[in-house]
Amino acid sequence: MKIDMFVWGVVIVCAGLFILCDGLSAHWGKTGSGRSLAYVMLLSPLSYWAFAFINTRLDLAVTGALVNTIVVAGAVLVGAVVFKEEVSSLQYIGIALALISVTLLNLA
C-alpha cells in the first residue's frame, strides 16, 4: 500500500499535533499552567480530526501504526530535549526499531 504525499503530510501534521498536546499536557502537569491546558483543549479536536481524515484513506491498523509510532518517537525526543529527561541507549534503539517498522508497513 503506497501512501501519497498529501496523506503523508497529514500524518506528519497529525502526529505533530499529538506530540504538541503531549508536551503541553506535561507542562501543565509540572507547572499548573492553565494556558497549556487551554491549548490542549483547543488542539485535541483538530488532532483527532486529522487522524479520522487519514483513516478515510488508510486502514485503521496502518493509520494507528504510523501516527502512534511517530508520536512515541516525538514524545521521547520532547522529553529528552525540552524536559531534560534521561533516555537510555536501549530505549533509543527501541524507538529506532519502531520507526523501521513504520517504514516496513509502507513497503507492502
PDB file of N, CA and C in Angstrom:
ATOM      1  N   MET A   1       0.840  -1.175   0.000  1.00  0.00           N
ATOM      2  CA  MET A   1       0.000   0.000   0.000  1.00  0.00           C
ATOM      3  C   MET A   1       0.889   1.243   0.000  1.00  0.00           C
ATOM      4  N   LYS A   2       0.816   2.008  -1.048  1.00  0.00           N
ATOM      5  CA  LYS A   2       1.580   3.244  -1.149  1.00  0.00           C
ATOM      6  C   LYS A   2       0.733   4.393  -0.589  1.00  0.00           C
ATOM      7  N   ILE A   3       1.397   5.306   0.074  1.00  0.00           N
ATOM      8  CA  ILE A   3       0.720   6.466   0.637  1.00  0.00           C
ATOM      9  C   ILE A   3       1.157   7.681  -0.164  1.00  0.00           C
ATOM     10  N   ASP A   4       0.174   8.476  -0.643  1.00  0.00           N
ATOM     11  CA  ASP A   4       0.561   9.654  -1.415  1.00  0.00           C
ATOM     12  C   ASP A   4       1.112  10.742  -0.500  1.00  0.00           C
ATOM     13  N   MET A   5       1.772  11.707  -1.097  1.00  0.00           N
ATOM     14  CA  MET A   5       2.478  12.741  -0.337  1.00  0.00           C
ATOM     15  C   MET A   5       1.527  13.591   0.507  1.00  0.00           C
ATOM     16  N   PHE A   6       0.321  13.848   0.017  1.00  0.00           N
ATOM     17  CA  PHE A   6      -0.636  14.642   0.796  1.00  0.00           C
ATOM     18  C   PHE A   6      -1.001  13.923   2.089  1.00  0.00           C
ATOM     19  N   VAL A   7      -1.287  12.624   1.987  1.00  0.00           N
ATOM     20  CA  VAL A   7      -1.637  11.852   3.180  1.00  0.00           C
ATOM     21  C   VAL A   7      -0.447  11.798   4.129  1.00  0.00           C
ATOM     22  N   TRP A   8       0.773  11.631   3.583  1.00  0.00           N
ATOM     23  CA  TRP A   8       1.966  11.650   4.439  1.00  0.00           C
ATOM     24  C   TRP A   8       2.065  12.985   5.171  1.00  0.00           C
ATOM     25  N   GLY A   9       1.763  14.067   4.475  1.00  0.00           N
ATOM     26  CA  GLY A   9       1.788  15.386   5.107  1.00  0.00           C
ATOM     27  C   GLY A   9       0.802  15.476   6.253  1.00  0.00           C
ATOM     28  N   VAL A  10      -0.404  14.941   6.043  1.00  0.00           N
ATOM     29  CA  VAL A  10      -1.416  14.961   7.106  1.00  0.00           C
ATOM     30  C   VAL A  10      -0.974  14.062   8.262  1.00  0.00           C
ATOM     31  N   VAL A  11      -0.324  12.944   7.964  1.00  0.00           N
ATOM     32  CA  VAL A  11       0.205  12.067   9.024  1.00  0.00           C
ATOM     33  C   VAL A  11       1.206  12.838   9.884  1.00  0.00           C
ATOM     34  N   ILE A  12       2.111  13.563   9.249  1.00  0.00           N
ATOM     35  CA  ILE A  12       3.120  14.328   9.992  1.00  0.00           C
ATOM     36  C   ILE A  12       2.461  15.446  10.805  1.00  0.00           C
ATOM     37  N   VAL A  13       1.508  16.151  10.214  1.00  0.00           N
ATOM     38  CA  VAL A  13       0.796  17.205  10.948  1.00  0.00           C
ATOM     39  C   VAL A  13       0.028  16.616  12.130  1.00  0.00           C
ATOM     40  N   CYS A  14      -0.661  15.517  11.886  1.00  0.00           N
ATOM     41  CA  CYS A  14      -1.441  14.863  12.940  1.00  0.00           C
ATOM     42  C   CYS A  14      -0.531  14.433  14.091  1.00  0.00           C
ATOM     43  N   ALA A  15       0.553  13.761  13.768  1.00  0.00           N
ATOM     44  CA  ALA A  15       1.491  13.325  14.804  1.00  0.00           C
ATOM     45  C   ALA A  15       2.085  14.522  15.528  1.00  0.00           C
ATOM     46  N   GLY A  16       2.401  15.567  14.781  1.00  0.00           N
ATOM     47  CA  GLY A  16       2.939  16.778  15.398  1.00  0.00           C
ATOM     48  C   GLY A  16       1.962  17.406  16.374  1.00  0.00           C
ATOM     49  N   LEU A  17       0.686  17.419  16.015  1.00  0.00           N
ATOM     50  CA  LEU A  17      -0.332  17.955  16.922  1.00  0.00           C
ATOM     51  C   LEU A  17      -0.430  17.124  18.195  1.00  0.00           C
ATOM     52  N   PHE A  18      -0.401  15.801  18.047  1.00  0.00           N
ATOM     53  CA  PHE A  18      -0.457  14.939  19.233  1.00  0.00           C
ATOM     54  C   PHE A  18       0.785  15.121  20.108  1.00  0.00           C
ATOM     55  N   ILE A  19       1.954  15.260  19.487  1.00  0.00           N
ATOM     56  CA  ILE A  19       3.188  15.477  20.247  1.00  0.00           C
ATOM     57  C   ILE A  19       3.110  16.818  20.981  1.00  0.00           C
ATOM     58  N   LEU A  20       2.627  17.839  20.297  1.00  0.00           N
ATOM     59  CA  LEU A  20       2.465  19.149  20.927  1.00  0.00           C
ATOM     60  C   LEU A  20       1.509  19.062  22.115  1.00  0.00           C
ATOM     61  N   CYS A  21       0.404  18.353  21.929  1.00  0.00           N
ATOM     62  CA  CYS A  21      -0.546  18.166  23.038  1.00  0.00           C
ATOM     63  C   CYS A  21       0.095  17.410  24.203  1.00  0.00           C
ATOM     64  N   ASP A  22       0.893  16.395  23.903  1.00  0.00           N
ATOM     65  CA  ASP A  22       1.605  15.668  24.960  1.00  0.00           C
ATOM     66  C   ASP A  22       2.534  16.596  25.730  1.00  0.00           C
ATOM     67  N   GLY A  23       3.301  17.405  25.003  1.00  0.00           N
ATOM     68  CA  GLY A  23       4.228  18.331  25.645  1.00  0.00           C
ATOM     69  C   GLY A  23       3.513  19.377  26.481  1.00  0.00           C
ATOM     70  N   LEU A  24       2.418  19.916  25.937  1.00  0.00           N
ATOM     71  CA  LEU A  24       1.641  20.905  26.689  1.00  0.00           C
ATOM     72  C   LEU A  24       1.001  20.290  27.920  1.00  0.00           C
ATOM     73  N   SER A  25       0.534  19.057  27.793  1.00  0.00           N
ATOM     74  CA  SER A  25      -0.044  18.366  28.951  1.00  0.00           C
ATOM     75  C   SER A  25       1.006  18.149  30.039  1.00  0.00           C
ATOM     76  N   ALA A  26       2.205  17.756  29.619  1.00  0.00           N
ATOM     77  CA  ALA A  26       3.288  17.574  30.589  1.00  0.00           C
ATOM     78  C   ALA A  26       3.633  18.901  31.251  1.00  0.00           C
ATOM     79  N   HIS A  27       3.659  19.968  30.459  1.00  0.00           N
ATOM     80  CA  HIS A  27       3.941  21.298  31.016  1.00  0.00           C
ATOM     81  C   HIS A  27       2.862  21.691  32.027  1.00  0.00           C
ATOM     82  N   TRP A  28       1.615  21.454  31.673  1.00  0.00           N
ATOM     83  CA  TRP A  28       0.515  21.746  32.595  1.00  0.00           C
ATOM     84  C   TRP A  28       0.659  20.936  33.885  1.00  0.00           C
ATOM     85  N   GLY A  29       0.989  19.659  33.735  1.00  0.00           N
ATOM     86  CA  GLY A  29       1.137  18.801  34.902  1.00  0.00           C
ATOM     87  C   GLY A  29       2.272  19.239  35.817  1.00  0.00           C
ATOM     88  N   LYS A  30       3.350  19.767  35.228  1.00  0.00           N
ATOM     89  CA  LYS A  30       4.506  20.171  36.034  1.00  0.00           C
ATOM     90  C   LYS A  30       4.358  21.575  36.616  1.00  0.00           C
ATOM     91  N   THR A  31       3.653  22.456  35.897  1.00  0.00           N
ATOM     92  CA  THR A  31       3.588  23.857  36.325  1.00  0.00           C
ATOM     93  C   THR A  31       2.202  24.313  36.763  1.00  0.00           C
ATOM     94  N   GLY A  32       1.175  23.575  36.362  1.00  0.00           N
ATOM     95  CA  GLY A  32      -0.190  24.010  36.658  1.00  0.00           C
ATOM     96  C   GLY A  32      -0.665  25.131  35.750  1.00  0.00           C
ATOM     97  N   SER A  33       0.047  25.365  34.640  1.00  0.00           N
ATOM     98  CA  SER A  33      -0.290  26.444  33.715  1.00  0.00           C
ATOM     99  C   SER A  33      -1.628  26.184  33.025  1.00  0.00           C
ATOM    100  N   GLY A  34      -2.603  27.010  33.334  1.00  0.00           N
ATOM    101  CA  GLY A  34      -3.916  26.883  32.700  1.00  0.00           C
ATOM    102  C   GLY A  34      -3.859  27.144  31.208  1.00  0.00           C
ATOM    103  N   ARG A  35      -2.917  27.972  30.774  1.00  0.00           N
ATOM    104  CA  ARG A  35      -2.786  28.278  29.346  1.00  0.00           C
ATOM    105  C   ARG A  35      -2.410  27.015  28.568  1.00  0.00           C
ATOM    106  N   SER A  36      -1.502  26.213  29.124  1.00  0.00           N
ATOM    107  CA  SER A  36      -1.111  24.964  28.462  1.00  0.00           C
ATOM    108  C   SER A  36      -2.312  24.044  28.314  1.00  0.00           C
ATOM    109  N   LEU A  37      -3.098  23.932  29.372  1.00  0.00           N
ATOM    110  CA  LEU A  37      -4.289  23.085  29.320  1.00  0.00           C
ATOM    111  C   LEU A  37      -5.290  23.607  28.298  1.00  0.00           C
ATOM    112  N   ALA A  38      -5.453  24.920  28.225  1.00  0.00           N
ATOM    113  CA  ALA A  38      -6.384  25.514  27.253  1.00  0.00           C
ATOM    114  C   ALA A  38      -5.950  25.194  25.821  1.00  0.00           C
ATOM    115  N   TYR A  39      -4.648  25.273  25.552  1.00  0.00           N
ATOM    116  CA  TYR A  39      -4.160  24.936  24.214  1.00  0.00           C
ATOM    117  C   TYR A  39      -4.435  23.472  23.877  1.00  0.00           C
ATOM    118  N   VAL A  40      -4.238  22.604  24.851  1.00  0.00           N
ATOM    119  CA  VAL A  40      -4.526  21.183  24.625  1.00  0.00           C
ATOM    120  C   VAL A  40      -6.001  21.000  24.287  1.00  0.00           C
ATOM    121  N   MET A  41      -6.854  21.689  24.999  1.00  0.00           N
ATOM    122  CA  MET A  41      -8.292  21.546  24.755  1.00  0.00           C
ATOM    123  C   MET A  41      -8.681  22.064  23.375  1.00  0.00           C
ATOM    124  N   LEU A  42      -7.975  23.062  22.884  1.00  0.00           N
ATOM    125  CA  LEU A  42      -8.255  23.591  21.547  1.00  0.00           C
ATOM    126  C   LEU A  42      -7.663  22.714  20.441  1.00  0.00           C
ATOM    127  N   LEU A  43      -6.485  22.146  20.693  1.00  0.00           N
ATOM    128  CA  LEU A  43      -5.794  21.370  19.658  1.00  0.00           C
ATOM    129  C   LEU A  43      -6.264  19.920  19.563  1.00  0.00           C
ATOM    130  N   SER A  44      -6.763  19.367  20.646  1.00  0.00           N
ATOM    131  CA  SER A  44      -7.155  17.949  20.638  1.00  0.00           C
ATOM    132  C   SER A  44      -8.188  17.613  19.565  1.00  0.00           C
ATOM    133  N   PRO A  45      -9.266  18.383  19.436  1.00  0.00           N
ATOM    134  CA  PRO A  45     -10.233  18.030  18.375  1.00  0.00           C
ATOM    135  C   PRO A  45      -9.623  18.078  16.977  1.00  0.00           C
ATOM    136  N   LEU A  46      -8.741  19.038  16.737  1.00  0.00           N
ATOM    137  CA  LEU A  46      -8.087  19.118  15.436  1.00  0.00           C
ATOM    138  C   LEU A  46      -7.192  17.902  15.199  1.00  0.00           C
ATOM    139  N   SER A  47      -6.517  17.462  16.258  1.00  0.00           N
ATOM    140  CA  SER A  47      -5.660  16.280  16.157  1.00  0.00           C
ATOM    141  C   SER A  47      -6.477  15.050  15.779  1.00  0.00           C
ATOM    142  N   TYR A  48      -7.597  14.869  16.454  1.00  0.00           N
ATOM    143  CA  TYR A  48      -8.434  13.705  16.158  1.00  0.00           C
ATOM    144  C   TYR A  48      -9.130  13.830  14.814  1.00  0.00           C
ATOM    145  N   TRP A  49      -9.433  15.039  14.370  1.00  0.00           N
ATOM    146  CA  TRP A  49      -9.990  15.217  13.037  1.00  0.00           C
ATOM    147  C   TRP A  49      -8.966  14.771  11.994  1.00  0.00           C
ATOM    148  N   ALA A  50      -7.711  15.168  12.171  1.00  0.00           N
ATOM    149  CA  ALA A  50      -6.656  14.766  11.230  1.00  0.00           C
ATOM    150  C   ALA A  50      -6.506  13.248  11.221  1.00  0.00           C
ATOM    151  N   PHE A  51      -6.567  12.626  12.400  1.00  0.00           N
ATOM    152  CA  PHE A  51      -6.471  11.161  12.477  1.00  0.00           C
ATOM    153  C   PHE A  51      -7.632  10.518  11.719  1.00  0.00           C
ATOM    154  N   ALA A  52      -8.831  11.043  11.907  1.00  0.00           N
ATOM    155  CA  ALA A  52     -10.001  10.497  11.212  1.00  0.00           C
ATOM    156  C   ALA A  52      -9.868  10.682   9.704  1.00  0.00           C
ATOM    157  N   PHE A  53      -9.338  11.833   9.280  1.00  0.00           N
ATOM    158  CA  PHE A  53      -9.133  12.071   7.855  1.00  0.00           C
ATOM    159  C   PHE A  53      -8.176  11.045   7.262  1.00  0.00           C
ATOM    160  N   ILE A  54      -7.066  10.798   7.957  1.00  0.00           N
ATOM    161  CA  ILE A  54      -6.113   9.799   7.476  1.00  0.00           C
ATOM    162  C   ILE A  54      -6.789   8.440   7.378  1.00  0.00           C
ATOM    163  N   ASN A  55      -7.630   8.138   8.355  1.00  0.00           N
ATOM    164  CA  ASN A  55      -8.305   6.841   8.381  1.00  0.00           C
ATOM    165  C   ASN A  55      -9.299   6.676   7.233  1.00  0.00           C
ATOM    166  N   THR A  56      -9.724   7.783   6.595  1.00  0.00           N
ATOM    167  CA  THR A  56     -10.574   7.659   5.403  1.00  0.00           C
ATOM    168  C   THR A  56      -9.765   7.193   4.201  1.00  0.00           C
ATOM    169  N   ARG A  57      -8.433   7.371   4.267  1.00  0.00           N
ATOM    170  CA  ARG A  57      -7.557   6.995   3.156  1.00  0.00           C
ATOM    171  C   ARG A  57      -6.827   5.675   3.392  1.00  0.00           C
ATOM    172  N   LEU A  58      -6.636   5.320   4.673  1.00  0.00           N
ATOM    173  CA  LEU A  58      -5.868   4.131   5.027  1.00  0.00           C
ATOM    174  C   LEU A  58      -6.652   3.302   6.026  1.00  0.00           C
ATOM    175  N   ASP A  59      -6.259   2.042   6.174  1.00  0.00           N
ATOM    176  CA  ASP A  59      -6.874   1.196   7.195  1.00  0.00           C
ATOM    177  C   ASP A  59      -6.465   1.673   8.583  1.00  0.00           C
ATOM    178  N   LEU A  60      -7.293   1.376   9.564  1.00  0.00           N
ATOM    179  CA  LEU A  60      -7.012   1.795  10.935  1.00  0.00           C
ATOM    180  C   LEU A  60      -5.676   1.247  11.424  1.00  0.00           C
ATOM    181  N   ALA A  61      -5.364   0.000  11.101  1.00  0.00           N
ATOM    182  CA  ALA A  61      -4.107  -0.592  11.561  1.00  0.00           C
ATOM    183  C   ALA A  61      -2.907   0.203  11.065  1.00  0.00           C
ATOM    184  N   VAL A  62      -2.927   0.583   9.808  1.00  0.00           N
ATOM    185  CA  VAL A  62      -1.815   1.346   9.237  1.00  0.00           C
ATOM    186  C   VAL A  62      -1.817   2.763   9.794  1.00  0.00           C
ATOM    187  N   THR A  63      -2.988   3.390   9.857  1.00  0.00           N
ATOM    188  CA  THR A  63      -3.088   4.745  10.392  1.00  0.00           C
ATOM    189  C   THR A  63      -2.577   4.797  11.827  1.00  0.00           C
ATOM    190  N   GLY A  64      -3.049   3.878  12.654  1.00  0.00           N
ATOM    191  CA  GLY A  64      -2.627   3.841  14.043  1.00  0.00           C
ATOM    192  C   GLY A  64      -1.134   3.598  14.181  1.00  0.00           C
ATOM    193  N   ALA A  65      -0.616   2.671  13.390  1.00  0.00           N
ATOM    194  CA  ALA A  65       0.820   2.374  13.459  1.00  0.00           C
ATOM    195  C   ALA A  65       1.650   3.582  13.048  1.00  0.00           C
ATOM    196  N   LEU A  66       1.259   4.232  11.969  1.00  0.00           N
ATOM    197  CA  LEU A  66       2.009   5.395  11.501  1.00  0.00           C
ATOM    198  C   LEU A  66       2.000   6.518  12.523  1.00  0.00           C
ATOM    199  N   VAL A  67       0.810   6.958  12.873  1.00  0.00           N
ATOM    200  CA  VAL A  67       0.691   8.123  13.746  1.00  0.00           C
ATOM    201  C   VAL A  67       1.238   7.828  15.136  1.00  0.00           C
ATOM    202  N   ASN A  68       0.841   6.714  15.715  1.00  0.00           N
ATOM    203  CA  ASN A  68       1.254   6.435  17.094  1.00  0.00           C
ATOM    204  C   ASN A  68       2.750   6.188  17.235  1.00  0.00           C
ATOM    205  N   THR A  69       3.370   5.571  16.246  1.00  0.00           N
ATOM    206  CA  THR A  69       4.814   5.364  16.315  1.00  0.00           C
ATOM    207  C   THR A  69       5.557   6.690  16.212  1.00  0.00           C
ATOM    208  N   ILE A  70       5.110   7.553  15.338  1.00  0.00           N
ATOM    209  CA  ILE A  70       5.732   8.875  15.224  1.00  0.00           C
ATOM    210  C   ILE A  70       5.508   9.672  16.507  1.00  0.00           C
ATOM    211  N   VAL A  71       4.323   9.555  17.091  1.00  0.00           N
ATOM    212  CA  VAL A  71       4.031  10.250  18.349  1.00  0.00           C
ATOM    213  C   VAL A  71       4.958   9.761  19.465  1.00  0.00           C
ATOM    214  N   VAL A  72       5.141   8.456  19.557  1.00  0.00           N
ATOM    215  CA  VAL A  72       6.026   7.913  20.594  1.00  0.00           C
ATOM    216  C   VAL A  72       7.445   8.442  20.407  1.00  0.00           C
ATOM    217  N   ALA A  73       7.955   8.386  19.193  1.00  0.00           N
ATOM    218  CA  ALA A  73       9.314   8.870  18.933  1.00  0.00           C
ATOM    219  C   ALA A  73       9.420  10.363  19.244  1.00  0.00           C
ATOM    220  N   GLY A  74       8.423  11.114  18.829  1.00  0.00           N
ATOM    221  CA  GLY A  74       8.425  12.554  19.088  1.00  0.00           C
ATOM    222  C   GLY A  74       8.325  12.883  20.565  1.00  0.00           C
ATOM    223  N   ALA A  75       7.497  12.143  21.282  1.00  0.00           N
ATOM    224  CA  ALA A  75       7.354  12.385  22.718  1.00  0.00           C
ATOM    225  C   ALA A  75       8.650  12.080  23.459  1.00  0.00           C
ATOM    226  N   VAL A  76       9.350  11.045  23.040  1.00  0.00           N
ATOM    227  CA  VAL A  76      10.639  10.731  23.655  1.00  0.00           C
ATOM    228  C   VAL A  76      11.621  11.875  23.405  1.00  0.00           C
ATOM    229  N   LEU A  77      11.653  12.384  22.186  1.00  0.00           N
ATOM    230  CA  LEU A  77      12.554  13.489  21.879  1.00  0.00           C
ATOM    231  C   LEU A  77      12.188  14.746  22.653  1.00  0.00           C
ATOM    232  N   VAL A  78      10.904  15.053  22.760  1.00  0.00           N
ATOM    233  CA  VAL A  78      10.466  16.219  23.538  1.00  0.00           C
ATOM    234  C   VAL A  78      10.849  16.035  25.004  1.00  0.00           C
ATOM    235  N   GLY A  79      10.632  14.844  25.533  1.00  0.00           N
ATOM    236  CA  GLY A  79      11.016  14.577  26.916  1.00  0.00           C
ATOM    237  C   GLY A  79      12.500  14.755  27.134  1.00  0.00           C
ATOM    238  N   ALA A  80      13.290  14.247  26.201  1.00  0.00           N
ATOM    239  CA  ALA A  80      14.749  14.324  26.343  1.00  0.00           C
ATOM    240  C   ALA A  80      15.271  15.742  26.127  1.00  0.00           C
ATOM    241  N   VAL A  81      14.761  16.430  25.119  1.00  0.00           N
ATOM    242  CA  VAL A  81      15.295  17.744  24.768  1.00  0.00           C
ATOM    243  C   VAL A  81      14.684  18.859  25.619  1.00  0.00           C
ATOM    244  N   VAL A  82      13.366  18.899  25.695  1.00  0.00           N
ATOM    245  CA  VAL A  82      12.684  20.007  26.378  1.00  0.00           C
ATOM    246  C   VAL A  82      12.677  19.828  27.892  1.00  0.00           C
ATOM    247  N   PHE A  83      12.306  18.622  28.342  1.00  0.00           N
ATOM    248  CA  PHE A  83      12.172  18.391  29.776  1.00  0.00           C
ATOM    249  C   PHE A  83      13.422  17.786  30.409  1.00  0.00           C
ATOM    250  N   LYS A  84      14.483  17.611  29.604  1.00  0.00           N
ATOM    251  CA  LYS A  84      15.774  17.107  30.084  1.00  0.00           C
ATOM    252  C   LYS A  84      15.666  15.759  30.805  1.00  0.00           C
ATOM    253  N   GLU A  85      14.760  14.914  30.315  1.00  0.00           N
ATOM    254  CA  GLU A  85      14.613  13.567  30.873  1.00  0.00           C
ATOM    255  C   GLU A  85      15.689  12.665  30.278  1.00  0.00           C
ATOM    256  N   GLU A  86      16.107  11.676  31.030  1.00  0.00           N
ATOM    257  CA  GLU A  86      17.136  10.765  30.545  1.00  0.00           C
ATOM    258  C   GLU A  86      16.494   9.612  29.779  1.00  0.00           C
ATOM    259  N   VAL A  87      17.074   9.319  28.633  1.00  0.00           N
ATOM    260  CA  VAL A  87      16.633   8.205  27.798  1.00  0.00           C
ATOM    261  C   VAL A  87      17.852   7.321  27.575  1.00  0.00           C
ATOM    262  N   SER A  88      17.699   6.036  27.852  1.00  0.00           N
ATOM    263  CA  SER A  88      18.840   5.124  27.727  1.00  0.00           C
ATOM    264  C   SER A  88      19.103   4.767  26.262  1.00  0.00           C
ATOM    265  N   SER A  89      20.272   4.254  26.029  1.00  0.00           N
ATOM    266  CA  SER A  89      20.634   3.809  24.672  1.00  0.00           C
ATOM    267  C   SER A  89      19.684   2.723  24.195  1.00  0.00           C
ATOM    268  N   LEU A  90      19.312   1.822  25.086  1.00  0.00           N
ATOM    269  CA  LEU A  90      18.394   0.746  24.725  1.00  0.00           C
ATOM    270  C   LEU A  90      17.025   1.306  24.331  1.00  0.00           C
ATOM    271  N   GLN A  91      16.589   2.343  25.018  1.00  0.00           N
ATOM    272  CA  GLN A  91      15.315   2.962  24.664  1.00  0.00           C
ATOM    273  C   GLN A  91      15.393   3.630  23.291  1.00  0.00           C
ATOM    274  N   TYR A  92      16.519   4.277  23.000  1.00  0.00           N
ATOM    275  CA  TYR A  92      16.695   4.866  21.668  1.00  0.00           C
ATOM    276  C   TYR A  92      16.696   3.786  20.588  1.00  0.00           C
ATOM    277  N   ILE A  93      17.288   2.645  20.865  1.00  0.00           N
ATOM    278  CA  ILE A  93      17.273   1.534  19.908  1.00  0.00           C
ATOM    279  C   ILE A  93      15.841   1.068  19.676  1.00  0.00           C
ATOM    280  N   GLY A  94      15.051   0.996  20.745  1.00  0.00           N
ATOM    281  CA  GLY A  94      13.644   0.614  20.608  1.00  0.00           C
ATOM    282  C   GLY A  94      12.875   1.585  19.736  1.00  0.00           C
ATOM    283  N   ILE A  95      13.107   2.874  19.915  1.00  0.00           N
ATOM    284  CA  ILE A  95      12.450   3.889  19.079  1.00  0.00           C
ATOM    285  C   ILE A  95      12.888   3.732  17.624  1.00  0.00           C
ATOM    286  N   ALA A  96      14.167   3.498  17.398  1.00  0.00           N
ATOM    287  CA  ALA A  96      14.660   3.303  16.033  1.00  0.00           C
ATOM    288  C   ALA A  96      13.990   2.091  15.384  1.00  0.00           C
ATOM    289  N   LEU A  97      13.867   1.011  16.126  1.00  0.00           N
ATOM    290  CA  LEU A  97      13.203  -0.183  15.590  1.00  0.00           C
ATOM    291  C   LEU A  97      11.732   0.086  15.280  1.00  0.00           C
ATOM    292  N   ALA A  98      11.083   0.873  16.118  1.00  0.00           N
ATOM    293  CA  ALA A  98       9.685   1.227  15.855  1.00  0.00           C
ATOM    294  C   ALA A  98       9.566   2.031  14.563  1.00  0.00           C
ATOM    295  N   LEU A  99      10.482   2.964  14.356  1.00  0.00           N
ATOM    296  CA  LEU A  99      10.448   3.752  13.128  1.00  0.00           C
ATOM    297  C   LEU A  99      10.749   2.893  11.904  1.00  0.00           C
ATOM    298  N   ILE A 100      11.629   1.918  12.064  1.00  0.00           N
ATOM    299  CA  ILE A 100      11.889   0.978  10.962  1.00  0.00           C
ATOM    300  C   ILE A 100      10.626   0.179  10.653  1.00  0.00           C
ATOM    301  N   SER A 101       9.876  -0.202  11.696  1.00  0.00           N
ATOM    302  CA  SER A 101       8.641  -0.958  11.461  1.00  0.00           C
ATOM    303  C   SER A 101       7.625  -0.133  10.685  1.00  0.00           C
ATOM    304  N   VAL A 102       7.554   1.157  10.944  1.00  0.00           N
ATOM    305  CA  VAL A 102       6.648   2.016  10.173  1.00  0.00           C
ATOM    306  C   VAL A 102       7.056   2.059   8.723  1.00  0.00           C
ATOM    307  N   THR A 103       8.351   2.126   8.485  1.00  0.00           N
ATOM    308  CA  THR A 103       8.841   2.107   7.107  1.00  0.00           C
ATOM    309  C   THR A 103       8.455   0.808   6.416  1.00  0.00           C
ATOM    310  N   LEU A 104       8.602  -0.315   7.113  1.00  0.00           N
ATOM    311  CA  LEU A 104       8.259  -1.609   6.534  1.00  0.00           C
ATOM    312  C   LEU A 104       6.762  -1.727   6.247  1.00  0.00           C
ATOM    313  N   LEU A 105       5.925  -1.113   7.074  1.00  0.00           N
ATOM    314  CA  LEU A 105       4.478  -1.127   6.827  1.00  0.00           C
ATOM    315  C   LEU A 105       4.134  -0.483   5.486  1.00  0.00           C
ATOM    316  N   ASN A 106       4.947   0.458   5.066  1.00  0.00           N
ATOM    317  CA  ASN A 106       4.655   1.195   3.837  1.00  0.00           C
ATOM    318  C   ASN A 106       5.304   0.611   2.598  1.00  0.00           C
ATOM    319  N   LEU A 107       6.011  -0.490   2.757  1.00  0.00           N
ATOM    320  CA  LEU A 107       6.628  -1.134   1.599  1.00  0.00           C
ATOM    321  C   LEU A 107       5.697  -2.137   0.944  1.00  0.00           C
ATOM    322  N   ALA A 108       4.688  -2.555   1.683  1.00  0.00           N
ATOM    323  CA  ALA A 108       3.773  -3.586   1.156  1.00  0.00           C
ATOM    324  C   ALA A 108       2.811  -3.010   0.145  1.00  0.00           C
TER     325      ALA A 108
END
